[in-house]
Protein backbone atom coordinates (compact mmCIF):
# COMPACT_ATOMS: atom_id res chain seq x y z
CA MET A 1 -50.81 -90.85 231.52
CA SER A 2 -51.51 -93.96 230.71
CA THR A 3 -51.94 -95.70 227.19
CA TRP A 4 -54.15 -98.91 227.16
CA LEU A 5 -52.81 -101.48 224.48
CA THR A 6 -54.42 -103.64 222.42
CA GLU A 7 -52.98 -107.15 222.36
CA LYS A 8 -51.36 -106.51 218.86
CA GLU A 9 -50.46 -103.24 220.42
CA TYR A 10 -49.06 -104.17 223.04
CA ARG A 11 -46.64 -107.42 221.69
CA GLN A 12 -45.45 -104.75 219.00
CA SER A 13 -45.00 -101.65 221.31
CA GLY A 14 -42.26 -102.51 223.05
CA ALA A 15 -43.99 -101.61 226.15
CA ILE A 16 -41.97 -104.13 228.35
CA ALA A 17 -38.94 -101.82 227.46
CA ALA A 18 -40.82 -98.29 228.06
CA GLY A 19 -42.04 -99.45 231.62
CA MET A 20 -44.80 -101.02 233.07
CA THR A 21 -47.59 -100.78 236.04
CA ILE A 22 -50.30 -102.54 237.03
CA ASN A 23 -54.07 -101.34 236.99
CA ALA A 24 -54.85 -102.43 240.53
CA ALA A 25 -58.36 -102.65 240.30
CA PHE A 26 -58.59 -104.75 237.07
CA MET A 27 -56.09 -106.85 238.41
CA ASP A 28 -57.78 -107.31 241.84
CA GLU A 29 -61.19 -108.06 239.97
CA ILE A 30 -59.30 -110.94 237.50
CA LYS A 31 -58.01 -112.47 240.81
CA THR A 32 -61.24 -112.86 242.55
CA ASP A 33 -63.64 -112.86 239.70
CA PHE A 34 -62.06 -115.33 237.67
CA ASP A 35 -62.93 -119.19 238.01
CA PHE A 36 -59.30 -120.03 237.89
CA ARG A 37 -58.99 -120.49 241.60
CA SER A 38 -61.67 -122.87 241.93
CA THR A 39 -60.48 -125.07 239.43
CA LEU A 40 -56.97 -124.71 240.72
CA ASN A 41 -58.62 -125.96 244.19
CA ARG A 42 -60.45 -128.56 242.46
CA THR A 43 -57.72 -130.15 240.32
CA TYR A 44 -55.51 -130.34 243.52
CA TYR A 45 -58.22 -131.76 245.62
CA TRP A 46 -59.02 -134.47 243.03
CA LEU A 47 -55.31 -135.46 242.30
CA ASN A 48 -54.53 -136.33 246.09
CA GLN A 49 -57.53 -138.58 246.42
CA LYS A 50 -57.07 -142.13 247.47
CA PRO A 51 -57.70 -144.41 245.56
CA ASP A 52 -55.16 -143.06 243.03
CA PRO A 53 -57.74 -141.36 240.10
CA ALA A 54 -57.31 -142.96 236.88
CA PRO A 55 -54.18 -141.09 234.97
CA ARG A 56 -56.54 -140.34 231.94
CA LEU A 57 -58.41 -138.36 234.38
CA VAL A 58 -55.41 -136.47 235.71
CA VAL A 59 -54.24 -135.37 232.22
CA GLN A 60 -58.12 -133.97 231.78
CA TRP A 61 -57.98 -132.10 235.14
CA LEU A 62 -54.72 -130.57 234.67
CA SER A 63 -55.14 -130.14 230.68
CA ASP A 64 -58.43 -128.07 231.96
CA LEU A 65 -56.54 -126.14 234.63
CA ARG A 66 -53.73 -125.10 231.91
CA ASP A 67 -56.56 -123.91 229.73
CA GLN A 68 -57.74 -121.58 232.67
CA LEU A 69 -54.51 -120.86 233.53
CA GLU A 70 -53.72 -119.19 230.32
CA THR A 71 -56.52 -117.02 230.07
CA TYR A 72 -55.86 -116.13 233.66
CA PHE A 73 -52.66 -114.74 232.47
CA THR A 74 -53.97 -113.41 229.48
CA LEU A 75 -56.53 -111.39 231.11
CA GLU A 76 -53.71 -110.13 233.95
CA GLU A 77 -51.21 -109.35 231.19
CA PHE A 78 -53.66 -107.46 228.73
CA TYR A 79 -55.87 -105.50 231.53
CA GLY A 80 -53.95 -105.84 234.70
CA TYR A 81 -50.94 -104.37 233.88
CA PHE A 82 -50.49 -101.15 231.53
CA ARG A 83 -47.50 -99.24 229.89
CA GLN A 84 -46.89 -95.85 231.34
CA GLU A 85 -45.49 -92.71 229.40
CA VAL A 86 -43.39 -91.51 232.03
CA ILE A 87 -42.47 -94.10 234.89
CA ASP A 88 -43.24 -92.99 238.27
CA ASN A 89 -42.02 -95.78 239.96
CA PRO A 90 -39.08 -97.72 238.85
CA ILE A 91 -39.04 -100.42 241.66
CA VAL A 92 -42.99 -100.88 240.65
CA THR A 93 -41.77 -101.20 236.81
CA ARG A 94 -39.16 -103.69 237.61
CA LYS A 95 -41.75 -105.85 239.45
CA ALA A 96 -44.17 -105.64 236.91
CA LYS A 97 -42.10 -106.92 234.07
CA ALA A 98 -40.82 -109.73 236.27
CA LYS A 99 -44.31 -110.97 237.47
CA THR A 100 -45.43 -110.54 233.67
CA ARG A 101 -41.63 -112.81 232.62
CA GLU A 102 -43.01 -115.38 235.41
CA HIS A 103 -46.05 -116.34 233.36
CA GLU A 104 -44.40 -117.98 230.69
CA THR A 105 -42.62 -119.93 232.95
CA LEU A 106 -45.44 -120.95 235.33
CA TYR A 107 -47.76 -122.13 232.09
CA LEU A 108 -44.58 -124.44 231.08
CA ASP A 109 -43.79 -125.82 234.08
CA LEU A 110 -47.90 -126.98 234.21
CA GLY A 111 -47.12 -128.12 230.91
CA ARG A 112 -44.21 -130.45 232.11
CA VAL A 113 -46.51 -131.98 234.83
CA ILE A 114 -49.30 -132.86 231.73
CA ASP A 115 -46.52 -134.39 230.13
CA LEU A 116 -45.45 -136.69 233.06
CA ALA A 117 -49.11 -137.50 233.50
CA GLU A 118 -49.68 -138.35 229.76
CA ARG A 119 -46.11 -140.45 229.56
CA ILE A 120 -48.27 -142.54 232.35
CA VAL A 121 -51.24 -142.96 230.30
CA TYR A 122 -49.35 -143.88 227.02
CA ARG A 123 -47.00 -146.12 228.94
CA GLU A 124 -44.08 -144.04 227.96
CA SER A 125 -42.70 -143.52 231.20
CA ALA A 126 -39.77 -145.17 233.20
CA ASP A 127 -40.59 -147.06 236.10
CA ASP A 128 -39.93 -144.33 238.66
CA ILE A 129 -42.66 -142.14 236.96
CA ASN A 130 -45.93 -142.23 238.47
CA LEU A 131 -48.73 -140.44 240.22
CA ASP A 132 -46.70 -139.80 243.08
CA THR A 133 -44.28 -138.06 240.67
CA VAL A 134 -47.00 -136.51 239.24
CA ARG A 135 -48.44 -135.02 242.32
CA SER A 136 -45.10 -133.92 243.78
CA ASP A 137 -44.22 -131.68 240.46
CA PHE A 138 -47.80 -130.65 240.54
CA GLU A 139 -47.32 -129.70 244.24
CA THR A 140 -44.24 -127.76 243.65
CA PHE A 141 -46.11 -125.84 240.66
CA CYS A 142 -48.57 -124.98 243.03
CA ILE A 143 -45.83 -123.57 245.28
CA ALA A 144 -44.53 -121.25 242.53
CA LEU A 145 -48.07 -120.11 241.56
CA ALA A 146 -48.88 -119.18 245.04
CA ARG A 147 -45.66 -117.19 245.54
CA HIS A 148 -46.03 -115.69 242.20
CA GLU A 149 -49.62 -114.71 243.03
CA GLN A 150 -48.62 -113.23 246.30
CA ASP A 151 -46.00 -110.97 244.73
CA GLU A 152 -48.64 -109.64 242.65
CA MET A 153 -50.98 -108.66 245.60
CA GLU A 154 -48.02 -106.84 247.34
CA LEU A 155 -47.84 -104.95 244.21
CA ILE A 156 -50.98 -104.25 244.06
CA MET A 157 -51.29 -103.06 247.74
CA GLN A 158 -48.31 -101.23 247.55
CA LEU A 159 -49.57 -98.99 244.51
CA CYS A 160 -53.31 -98.58 246.40
CA ASN A 161 -51.07 -97.40 249.36
CA GLN A 162 -49.13 -94.94 247.42
CA ASP A 163 -52.32 -93.70 245.05
CA ILE A 164 -54.54 -93.16 248.41
CA GLY A 165 -52.13 -93.11 251.25
CA VAL A 166 -52.52 -95.47 254.04
CA GLY A 167 -53.94 -92.56 256.41
CA ASP A 168 -53.47 -91.78 259.89
């Protein structure tokens, strides 16, 4: 039997230690309906425009994306994942825990990209830090995020196949 947790209960419950799984329906809805994906694509497109965009705009775009990322991960953590009293699938539990831990890393990685862009705006950067550096680090972030998202989708599909079977 599953138990849904409020944010406060989740933080205090030790749910990660007890075992976690994914609510595939909610997780899929979060991934398809939330506006984060369009913000990410728009930011990527704008950042790679020539001539170079103004560094202040880059900081604003990346900051807006970080706000969206925070909301996106919060929705996933509190509605897409849930604690299970009895762990039926230890592989899923282990993968679910790993995916939630990656949220903080990805969020901090995007923060570092913003810090680089802000150093350009406020002229606190060394000569080797420019918009190409920001683009490169943002690309690295996007690759890590895409890998994370693919892993979550595979986990959703694994759970769906187990719950409803794959049919013959």
